[in-house]
Amino acid sequence: MSPLGSSEKSVVMQRAGTLLKALVRDLGLEDGVRLAQLQSEWHSIFRKPLSDHMFPSFLSGNELILSVDSPVWMQELKYYVADIVKTLAPYRIEKVRFKLGRVRNRPSQGAGKIETPVANLSPQERTFIEETVARVQDESLKTTVAKAMEKALKRRKSVSPRRVV
């Protein structure tokens, strides 16, 4: 049995959650975390055929950029912008824009893996991650935060500018 009572565990977990939220916000990872959540839930938010032809690719504040796989679908989706924004309101999305690009994360393309180019982290970035998570006591939380930071830094490196409509 744990030396902490159940109420003490709850307080510790609440503090960890508060610290983690603050850490994510202070490191500028909040949009990345929200984008990852949207991407993982995309096929439950939108049904086929919409989810097969558009996919969230970038989030900045309350604006979401959706990759669309063809000009025909881009034109069609422009008619449904208000409905798309309304559906995404629980995710604090207030505006969407479309860009032509590869639509990722189709269920038929293999277990929901996102196919993005992998950028390597510099030794300075790895040191930054290690120093940031060094104070986190919980090993599973430490691993999760480190992975999130690594993914965000790699994603920032691999983002290439594309035409946004």
N, C-alpha and C. Protein backbone atom coordinates (compact mmCIF):
# COMPACT_ATOMS: atom_id res chain seq x y z
N MET A 1 0.84 -1.19 0.00
CA MET A 1 0.00 0.00 0.00
C MET A 1 0.88 1.25 0.00
N SER A 2 0.45 2.25 -0.70
CA SER A 2 1.19 3.49 -0.83
C SER A 2 1.19 4.27 0.48
N PRO A 3 2.30 4.94 0.79
CA PRO A 3 2.33 5.77 2.00
C PRO A 3 1.39 6.97 1.88
N LEU A 4 1.03 7.33 0.66
CA LEU A 4 0.09 8.43 0.46
C LEU A 4 -1.33 7.91 0.48
N GLY A 5 -2.20 8.55 1.20
CA GLY A 5 -3.61 8.18 1.17
C GLY A 5 -4.21 8.58 -0.16
N SER A 6 -5.42 8.11 -0.45
CA SER A 6 -6.02 8.40 -1.74
C SER A 6 -6.24 9.90 -1.95
N SER A 7 -6.58 10.63 -0.90
CA SER A 7 -6.79 12.07 -1.07
C SER A 7 -5.46 12.78 -1.33
N GLU A 8 -4.37 12.28 -0.71
CA GLU A 8 -3.07 12.88 -0.94
C GLU A 8 -2.60 12.60 -2.37
N LYS A 9 -2.89 11.40 -2.90
CA LYS A 9 -2.54 11.08 -4.28
C LYS A 9 -3.26 12.01 -5.22
N SER A 10 -4.53 12.27 -4.93
CA SER A 10 -5.32 13.15 -5.78
C SER A 10 -4.70 14.54 -5.83
N VAL A 11 -4.27 15.05 -4.71
CA VAL A 11 -3.65 16.38 -4.64
C VAL A 11 -2.35 16.38 -5.43
N VAL A 12 -1.55 15.33 -5.29
CA VAL A 12 -0.29 15.24 -6.02
C VAL A 12 -0.54 15.20 -7.52
N MET A 13 -1.53 14.41 -7.96
CA MET A 13 -1.84 14.32 -9.38
C MET A 13 -2.38 15.64 -9.91
N GLN A 14 -3.17 16.36 -9.10
CA GLN A 14 -3.67 17.67 -9.53
C GLN A 14 -2.51 18.64 -9.71
N ARG A 15 -1.55 18.60 -8.78
CA ARG A 15 -0.39 19.47 -8.91
C ARG A 15 0.42 19.12 -10.15
N ALA A 16 0.60 17.83 -10.41
CA ALA A 16 1.34 17.40 -11.59
C ALA A 16 0.63 17.86 -12.86
N GLY A 17 -0.69 17.73 -12.88
CA GLY A 17 -1.46 18.18 -14.04
C GLY A 17 -1.33 19.67 -14.26
N THR A 18 -1.38 20.44 -13.18
CA THR A 18 -1.23 21.89 -13.26
C THR A 18 0.15 22.26 -13.77
N LEU A 19 1.18 21.59 -13.23
CA LEU A 19 2.55 21.86 -13.65
C LEU A 19 2.76 21.48 -15.12
N LEU A 20 2.18 20.36 -15.52
CA LEU A 20 2.34 19.91 -16.90
C LEU A 20 1.66 20.88 -17.87
N LYS A 21 0.45 21.34 -17.53
CA LYS A 21 -0.23 22.32 -18.39
C LYS A 21 0.59 23.59 -18.51
N ALA A 22 1.13 24.06 -17.38
CA ALA A 22 1.94 25.27 -17.40
C ALA A 22 3.21 25.06 -18.23
N LEU A 23 3.83 23.88 -18.08
CA LEU A 23 5.04 23.57 -18.84
C LEU A 23 4.76 23.54 -20.33
N VAL A 24 3.69 22.89 -20.71
CA VAL A 24 3.31 22.81 -22.13
C VAL A 24 3.04 24.20 -22.67
N ARG A 25 2.32 25.02 -21.91
CA ARG A 25 2.02 26.38 -22.35
C ARG A 25 3.29 27.21 -22.44
N ASP A 26 4.16 27.15 -21.41
CA ASP A 26 5.38 27.96 -21.39
C ASP A 26 6.36 27.57 -22.50
N LEU A 27 6.36 26.31 -22.88
CA LEU A 27 7.26 25.86 -23.94
C LEU A 27 6.68 26.09 -25.33
N GLY A 28 5.47 26.60 -25.39
CA GLY A 28 4.83 26.86 -26.67
C GLY A 28 4.38 25.59 -27.37
N LEU A 29 4.07 24.57 -26.60
CA LEU A 29 3.67 23.28 -27.17
C LEU A 29 2.16 23.07 -27.16
N GLU A 30 1.41 24.03 -26.63
CA GLU A 30 -0.04 23.86 -26.48
C GLU A 30 -0.73 23.61 -27.82
N ASP A 31 -0.37 24.38 -28.84
CA ASP A 31 -0.98 24.16 -30.16
C ASP A 31 -0.61 22.79 -30.71
N GLY A 32 0.62 22.37 -30.48
CA GLY A 32 1.05 21.05 -30.95
C GLY A 32 0.29 19.92 -30.28
N VAL A 33 0.04 20.06 -28.99
CA VAL A 33 -0.72 19.05 -28.25
C VAL A 33 -2.16 19.01 -28.76
N ARG A 34 -2.76 20.20 -28.95
CA ARG A 34 -4.13 20.25 -29.48
C ARG A 34 -4.21 19.66 -30.88
N LEU A 35 -3.21 19.97 -31.72
CA LEU A 35 -3.19 19.43 -33.09
C LEU A 35 -3.07 17.91 -33.06
N ALA A 36 -2.21 17.38 -32.22
CA ALA A 36 -2.06 15.93 -32.11
C ALA A 36 -3.37 15.27 -31.66
N GLN A 37 -4.07 15.93 -30.75
CA GLN A 37 -5.37 15.40 -30.30
C GLN A 37 -6.36 15.39 -31.46
N LEU A 38 -6.42 16.49 -32.20
CA LEU A 38 -7.32 16.55 -33.37
C LEU A 38 -6.97 15.47 -34.38
N GLN A 39 -5.70 15.31 -34.66
CA GLN A 39 -5.28 14.31 -35.64
C GLN A 39 -5.65 12.90 -35.20
N SER A 40 -5.48 12.61 -33.93
CA SER A 40 -5.78 11.26 -33.45
C SER A 40 -7.28 10.97 -33.44
N GLU A 41 -8.10 12.00 -33.29
CA GLU A 41 -9.55 11.82 -33.22
C GLU A 41 -10.26 12.16 -34.54
N TRP A 42 -9.50 12.48 -35.58
CA TRP A 42 -10.05 13.02 -36.82
C TRP A 42 -11.16 12.16 -37.41
N HIS A 43 -10.94 10.86 -37.48
CA HIS A 43 -11.92 9.99 -38.13
C HIS A 43 -13.16 9.76 -37.28
N SER A 44 -13.11 10.13 -36.02
CA SER A 44 -14.33 10.08 -35.22
C SER A 44 -15.05 11.44 -35.22
N ILE A 45 -14.34 12.50 -35.56
CA ILE A 45 -14.94 13.84 -35.65
C ILE A 45 -15.70 13.96 -36.97
N PHE A 46 -15.05 13.55 -38.06
CA PHE A 46 -15.65 13.62 -39.39
C PHE A 46 -15.72 12.22 -39.98
N ARG A 47 -16.83 11.93 -40.63
CA ARG A 47 -17.00 10.63 -41.28
C ARG A 47 -16.49 10.69 -42.71
N LYS A 48 -16.42 9.51 -43.31
CA LYS A 48 -16.08 9.43 -44.73
C LYS A 48 -17.20 10.07 -45.53
N PRO A 49 -16.96 10.65 -46.61
CA PRO A 49 -15.71 10.82 -47.33
C PRO A 49 -14.90 12.03 -46.88
N LEU A 50 -15.48 12.90 -46.04
CA LEU A 50 -14.75 14.11 -45.62
C LEU A 50 -13.41 13.78 -44.99
N SER A 51 -13.39 12.83 -44.07
CA SER A 51 -12.16 12.52 -43.35
C SER A 51 -11.09 11.92 -44.26
N ASP A 52 -11.49 11.40 -45.41
CA ASP A 52 -10.52 10.85 -46.35
C ASP A 52 -9.92 11.91 -47.27
N HIS A 53 -10.51 13.08 -47.32
CA HIS A 53 -10.05 14.10 -48.25
C HIS A 53 -9.51 15.36 -47.59
N MET A 54 -9.62 15.45 -46.27
CA MET A 54 -9.03 16.59 -45.55
C MET A 54 -8.43 16.07 -44.25
N PHE A 55 -7.39 16.77 -43.77
CA PHE A 55 -6.72 16.35 -42.54
C PHE A 55 -6.05 17.57 -41.92
N PRO A 56 -6.11 17.71 -40.59
CA PRO A 56 -5.48 18.86 -39.95
C PRO A 56 -3.96 18.80 -40.08
N SER A 57 -3.37 19.89 -40.55
CA SER A 57 -1.93 19.89 -40.75
C SER A 57 -1.20 20.93 -39.91
N PHE A 58 -1.89 21.99 -39.49
CA PHE A 58 -1.23 23.03 -38.70
C PHE A 58 -2.27 23.76 -37.87
N LEU A 59 -1.89 24.09 -36.64
CA LEU A 59 -2.79 24.81 -35.75
C LEU A 59 -2.03 25.97 -35.13
N SER A 60 -2.62 27.14 -35.21
CA SER A 60 -2.04 28.32 -34.59
C SER A 60 -3.15 29.06 -33.87
N GLY A 61 -3.12 29.00 -32.56
CA GLY A 61 -4.18 29.63 -31.77
C GLY A 61 -5.50 28.95 -32.03
N ASN A 62 -6.44 29.69 -32.58
CA ASN A 62 -7.77 29.14 -32.87
C ASN A 62 -8.00 28.93 -34.37
N GLU A 63 -6.92 28.98 -35.15
CA GLU A 63 -7.02 28.79 -36.59
C GLU A 63 -6.38 27.46 -36.99
N LEU A 64 -7.15 26.66 -37.72
CA LEU A 64 -6.69 25.34 -38.15
C LEU A 64 -6.52 25.34 -39.67
N ILE A 65 -5.38 24.84 -40.12
CA ILE A 65 -5.15 24.68 -41.55
C ILE A 65 -5.34 23.21 -41.88
N LEU A 66 -6.22 22.97 -42.83
CA LEU A 66 -6.55 21.61 -43.26
C LEU A 66 -5.91 21.33 -44.61
N SER A 67 -5.18 20.23 -44.70
CA SER A 67 -4.68 19.77 -45.99
C SER A 67 -5.83 19.09 -46.72
N VAL A 68 -5.95 19.40 -48.00
CA VAL A 68 -7.00 18.81 -48.83
C VAL A 68 -6.31 18.19 -50.04
N ASP A 69 -6.78 16.99 -50.43
CA ASP A 69 -6.05 16.22 -51.43
C ASP A 69 -6.32 16.58 -52.89
N SER A 70 -7.28 17.44 -53.18
CA SER A 70 -7.51 17.81 -54.57
C SER A 70 -8.20 19.17 -54.65
N PRO A 71 -8.00 19.88 -55.76
CA PRO A 71 -8.68 21.16 -55.93
C PRO A 71 -10.20 21.03 -55.94
N VAL A 72 -10.70 19.91 -56.46
CA VAL A 72 -12.15 19.70 -56.50
C VAL A 72 -12.70 19.62 -55.08
N TRP A 73 -12.03 18.85 -54.21
CA TRP A 73 -12.48 18.76 -52.82
C TRP A 73 -12.30 20.09 -52.09
N MET A 74 -11.23 20.82 -52.41
CA MET A 74 -11.03 22.11 -51.77
C MET A 74 -12.20 23.04 -52.09
N GLN A 75 -12.61 23.06 -53.34
CA GLN A 75 -13.74 23.90 -53.73
C GLN A 75 -15.01 23.46 -53.00
N GLU A 76 -15.25 22.17 -52.94
CA GLU A 76 -16.44 21.63 -52.27
C GLU A 76 -16.44 21.99 -50.78
N LEU A 77 -15.29 21.85 -50.14
CA LEU A 77 -15.20 22.10 -48.70
C LEU A 77 -15.42 23.57 -48.35
N LYS A 78 -15.10 24.46 -49.26
CA LYS A 78 -15.31 25.89 -49.00
C LYS A 78 -16.78 26.20 -48.75
N TYR A 79 -17.68 25.40 -49.31
CA TYR A 79 -19.11 25.59 -49.07
C TYR A 79 -19.51 25.17 -47.65
N TYR A 80 -18.69 24.39 -47.00
CA TYR A 80 -19.03 23.83 -45.69
C TYR A 80 -18.15 24.38 -44.56
N VAL A 81 -17.47 25.50 -44.81
CA VAL A 81 -16.58 26.06 -43.79
C VAL A 81 -17.32 26.30 -42.48
N ALA A 82 -18.50 26.89 -42.52
CA ALA A 82 -19.24 27.18 -41.28
C ALA A 82 -19.57 25.89 -40.53
N ASP A 83 -19.97 24.85 -41.24
CA ASP A 83 -20.28 23.56 -40.60
C ASP A 83 -19.03 22.92 -40.01
N ILE A 84 -17.91 23.03 -40.71
CA ILE A 84 -16.66 22.46 -40.21
C ILE A 84 -16.23 23.17 -38.94
N VAL A 85 -16.30 24.50 -38.95
CA VAL A 85 -15.93 25.28 -37.75
C VAL A 85 -16.86 24.93 -36.58
N LYS A 86 -18.14 24.80 -36.86
CA LYS A 86 -19.11 24.45 -35.81
C LYS A 86 -18.77 23.08 -35.21
N THR A 87 -18.42 22.12 -36.05
CA THR A 87 -18.06 20.78 -35.59
C THR A 87 -16.79 20.81 -34.75
N LEU A 88 -15.86 21.70 -35.08
CA LEU A 88 -14.58 21.79 -34.38
C LEU A 88 -14.60 22.75 -33.19
N ALA A 89 -15.73 23.38 -32.92
CA ALA A 89 -15.83 24.33 -31.82
C ALA A 89 -15.41 23.74 -30.46
N PRO A 90 -15.74 22.48 -30.14
CA PRO A 90 -15.28 21.94 -28.86
C PRO A 90 -13.75 21.89 -28.73
N TYR A 91 -13.04 21.99 -29.85
CA TYR A 91 -11.57 21.99 -29.85
C TYR A 91 -11.01 23.41 -29.90
N ARG A 92 -11.88 24.41 -29.67
CA ARG A 92 -11.53 25.82 -29.64
C ARG A 92 -11.02 26.31 -31.01
N ILE A 93 -11.60 25.76 -32.07
CA ILE A 93 -11.26 26.20 -33.43
C ILE A 93 -12.32 27.22 -33.85
N GLU A 94 -11.86 28.40 -34.28
CA GLU A 94 -12.77 29.45 -34.71
C GLU A 94 -12.65 29.76 -36.19
N LYS A 95 -11.58 29.29 -36.82
CA LYS A 95 -11.36 29.59 -38.23
C LYS A 95 -10.62 28.42 -38.87
N VAL A 96 -11.00 28.07 -40.10
CA VAL A 96 -10.27 27.05 -40.85
C VAL A 96 -9.88 27.62 -42.21
N ARG A 97 -8.72 27.18 -42.67
CA ARG A 97 -8.26 27.49 -44.02
C ARG A 97 -7.82 26.19 -44.66
N PHE A 98 -7.79 26.18 -45.96
CA PHE A 98 -7.46 24.97 -46.70
C PHE A 98 -6.18 25.18 -47.49
N LYS A 99 -5.42 24.10 -47.63
CA LYS A 99 -4.25 24.11 -48.50
C LYS A 99 -4.21 22.78 -49.24
N LEU A 100 -3.71 22.81 -50.45
CA LEU A 100 -3.53 21.57 -51.18
C LEU A 100 -2.34 20.84 -50.59
N GLY A 101 -2.51 19.57 -50.38
CA GLY A 101 -1.41 18.80 -49.82
C GLY A 101 -1.81 17.35 -49.63
N ARG A 102 -0.89 16.59 -49.14
CA ARG A 102 -1.13 15.18 -48.90
C ARG A 102 -2.00 15.03 -47.65
N VAL A 103 -3.04 14.24 -47.79
CA VAL A 103 -3.91 13.95 -46.66
C VAL A 103 -3.37 12.71 -45.98
N ARG A 104 -3.11 12.83 -44.70
CA ARG A 104 -2.49 11.74 -43.96
C ARG A 104 -3.48 11.10 -43.01
N ASN A 105 -3.03 10.02 -42.43
CA ASN A 105 -3.76 9.34 -41.35
C ASN A 105 -5.06 8.70 -41.81
N ARG A 106 -5.11 8.22 -43.03
CA ARG A 106 -6.27 7.46 -43.46
C ARG A 106 -6.20 6.09 -42.82
N PRO A 107 -7.30 5.58 -42.28
CA PRO A 107 -7.26 4.28 -41.63
C PRO A 107 -6.75 3.18 -42.55
N SER A 108 -7.02 3.26 -43.83
CA SER A 108 -6.59 2.21 -44.75
C SER A 108 -5.10 2.27 -45.04
N GLN A 109 -4.42 3.35 -44.58
CA GLN A 109 -2.99 3.48 -44.85
C GLN A 109 -2.13 2.97 -43.72
N GLY A 110 -2.67 2.13 -42.87
CA GLY A 110 -1.83 1.46 -41.88
C GLY A 110 -1.88 2.05 -40.50
N ALA A 111 -2.75 1.55 -39.69
CA ALA A 111 -2.78 1.74 -38.24
C ALA A 111 -2.67 3.17 -37.76
N GLY A 112 -3.12 4.12 -38.56
CA GLY A 112 -3.19 5.49 -38.08
C GLY A 112 -1.87 6.20 -37.88
N LYS A 113 -0.79 5.74 -38.50
CA LYS A 113 0.49 6.40 -38.36
C LYS A 113 0.51 7.63 -39.25
N ILE A 114 1.08 8.71 -38.74
CA ILE A 114 1.21 9.93 -39.51
C ILE A 114 2.54 9.85 -40.25
N GLU A 115 2.50 10.03 -41.56
CA GLU A 115 3.70 9.90 -42.37
C GLU A 115 4.30 11.28 -42.61
N THR A 116 5.11 11.75 -41.67
CA THR A 116 5.78 13.03 -41.84
C THR A 116 7.27 12.78 -41.94
N PRO A 117 7.96 13.62 -42.68
CA PRO A 117 9.41 13.45 -42.74
C PRO A 117 10.00 13.64 -41.35
N VAL A 118 10.95 12.80 -40.99
CA VAL A 118 11.53 12.86 -39.66
C VAL A 118 12.79 13.72 -39.71
N ALA A 119 12.82 14.74 -38.90
CA ALA A 119 13.98 15.59 -38.80
C ALA A 119 14.75 15.18 -37.54
N ASN A 120 16.07 15.19 -37.63
CA ASN A 120 16.88 14.82 -36.47
C ASN A 120 17.04 16.01 -35.56
N LEU A 121 17.11 15.74 -34.27
CA LEU A 121 17.32 16.80 -33.29
C LEU A 121 18.81 17.04 -33.09
N SER A 122 19.14 18.29 -32.86
CA SER A 122 20.54 18.63 -32.59
C SER A 122 20.89 18.23 -31.16
N PRO A 123 22.16 18.12 -30.85
CA PRO A 123 22.56 17.82 -29.46
C PRO A 123 22.04 18.88 -28.48
N GLN A 124 21.98 20.13 -28.91
CA GLN A 124 21.47 21.20 -28.03
C GLN A 124 20.00 20.98 -27.73
N GLU A 125 19.22 20.55 -28.74
CA GLU A 125 17.80 20.31 -28.51
C GLU A 125 17.59 19.12 -27.59
N ARG A 126 18.39 18.07 -27.77
CA ARG A 126 18.29 16.91 -26.87
C ARG A 126 18.63 17.30 -25.44
N THR A 127 19.67 18.12 -25.27
CA THR A 127 20.05 18.59 -23.94
C THR A 127 18.94 19.43 -23.33
N PHE A 128 18.32 20.29 -24.14
CA PHE A 128 17.21 21.12 -23.68
C PHE A 128 16.07 20.24 -23.16
N ILE A 129 15.73 19.20 -23.91
CA ILE A 129 14.65 18.29 -23.48
C ILE A 129 15.03 17.61 -22.16
N GLU A 130 16.24 17.08 -22.10
CA GLU A 130 16.69 16.38 -20.89
C GLU A 130 16.68 17.30 -19.66
N GLU A 131 17.15 18.53 -19.83
CA GLU A 131 17.17 19.48 -18.71
C GLU A 131 15.75 19.87 -18.30
N THR A 132 14.86 19.98 -19.26
CA THR A 132 13.48 20.37 -18.96
C THR A 132 12.76 19.30 -18.17
N VAL A 133 12.94 18.04 -18.52
CA VAL A 133 12.21 16.96 -17.85
C VAL A 133 12.95 16.42 -16.62
N ALA A 134 14.14 16.91 -16.37
CA ALA A 134 14.95 16.39 -15.25
C ALA A 134 14.25 16.56 -13.90
N ARG A 135 13.46 17.61 -13.76
CA ARG A 135 12.80 17.87 -12.47
C ARG A 135 11.51 17.09 -12.28
N VAL A 136 11.05 16.43 -13.30
CA VAL A 136 9.81 15.66 -13.20
C VAL A 136 10.12 14.34 -12.49
N GLN A 137 9.42 14.06 -11.41
CA GLN A 137 9.69 12.88 -10.60
C GLN A 137 9.08 11.61 -11.18
N ASP A 138 7.88 11.70 -11.68
CA ASP A 138 7.16 10.53 -12.21
C ASP A 138 7.78 10.12 -13.55
N GLU A 139 8.29 8.89 -13.61
CA GLU A 139 9.00 8.43 -14.81
C GLU A 139 8.11 8.36 -16.05
N SER A 140 6.86 7.89 -15.89
CA SER A 140 6.00 7.81 -17.06
C SER A 140 5.63 9.21 -17.57
N LEU A 141 5.41 10.14 -16.65
CA LEU A 141 5.13 11.52 -17.03
C LEU A 141 6.36 12.14 -17.70
N LYS A 142 7.52 11.86 -17.16
CA LYS A 142 8.77 12.37 -17.72
C LYS A 142 8.94 11.87 -19.16
N THR A 143 8.69 10.60 -19.38
CA THR A 143 8.81 10.03 -20.73
C THR A 143 7.81 10.66 -21.69
N THR A 144 6.58 10.83 -21.22
CA THR A 144 5.53 11.41 -22.06
C THR A 144 5.88 12.85 -22.46
N VAL A 145 6.32 13.65 -21.50
CA VAL A 145 6.67 15.04 -21.78
C VAL A 145 7.87 15.10 -22.74
N ALA A 146 8.86 14.25 -22.51
CA ALA A 146 10.04 14.23 -23.38
C ALA A 146 9.65 13.87 -24.82
N LYS A 147 8.78 12.86 -24.96
CA LYS A 147 8.34 12.47 -26.30
C LYS A 147 7.56 13.59 -26.98
N ALA A 148 6.70 14.26 -26.21
CA ALA A 148 5.91 15.37 -26.78
C ALA A 148 6.82 16.51 -27.23
N MET A 149 7.81 16.83 -26.42
CA MET A 149 8.74 17.90 -26.79
C MET A 149 9.54 17.51 -28.03
N GLU A 150 10.00 16.26 -28.07
CA GLU A 150 10.77 15.79 -29.22
C GLU A 150 9.93 15.84 -30.50
N LYS A 151 8.70 15.39 -30.38
CA LYS A 151 7.81 15.39 -31.56
C LYS A 151 7.56 16.83 -32.03
N ALA A 152 7.33 17.74 -31.09
CA ALA A 152 7.06 19.13 -31.46
C ALA A 152 8.28 19.76 -32.14
N LEU A 153 9.45 19.51 -31.60
CA LEU A 153 10.66 20.07 -32.20
C LEU A 153 10.93 19.48 -33.59
N LYS A 154 10.72 18.18 -33.74
CA LYS A 154 10.90 17.55 -35.05
C LYS A 154 9.88 18.08 -36.05
N ARG A 155 8.65 18.23 -35.59
CA ARG A 155 7.58 18.71 -36.48
C ARG A 155 7.89 20.13 -36.94
N ARG A 156 8.38 20.96 -36.03
CA ARG A 156 8.71 22.34 -36.39
C ARG A 156 9.79 22.36 -37.47
N LYS A 157 10.75 21.44 -37.39
CA LYS A 157 11.82 21.38 -38.38
C LYS A 157 11.32 20.87 -39.73
N SER A 158 10.34 19.95 -39.70
CA SER A 158 9.91 19.31 -40.94
C SER A 158 8.79 20.04 -41.65
N VAL A 159 8.23 21.09 -41.06
CA VAL A 159 7.15 21.83 -41.70
C VAL A 159 7.73 22.64 -42.84
N SER A 160 7.19 22.40 -44.04
CA SER A 160 7.63 23.17 -45.20
C SER A 160 6.48 24.08 -45.63
N PRO A 161 6.81 25.31 -46.00
CA PRO A 161 5.73 26.22 -46.38
C PRO A 161 5.05 25.75 -47.67
N ARG A 162 3.74 25.81 -47.68
CA ARG A 162 2.93 25.46 -48.85
C ARG A 162 1.91 26.54 -49.07
N ARG A 163 1.37 26.55 -50.24
CA ARG A 163 0.34 27.53 -50.59
C ARG A 163 -0.88 27.32 -49.71
N VAL A 164 -1.30 28.36 -49.01
CA VAL A 164 -2.47 28.31 -48.14
C VAL A 164 -3.54 29.18 -48.74
N VAL A 165 -4.76 28.63 -48.82
CA VAL A 165 -5.89 29.37 -49.41
C VAL A 165 -6.75 29.94 -48.31
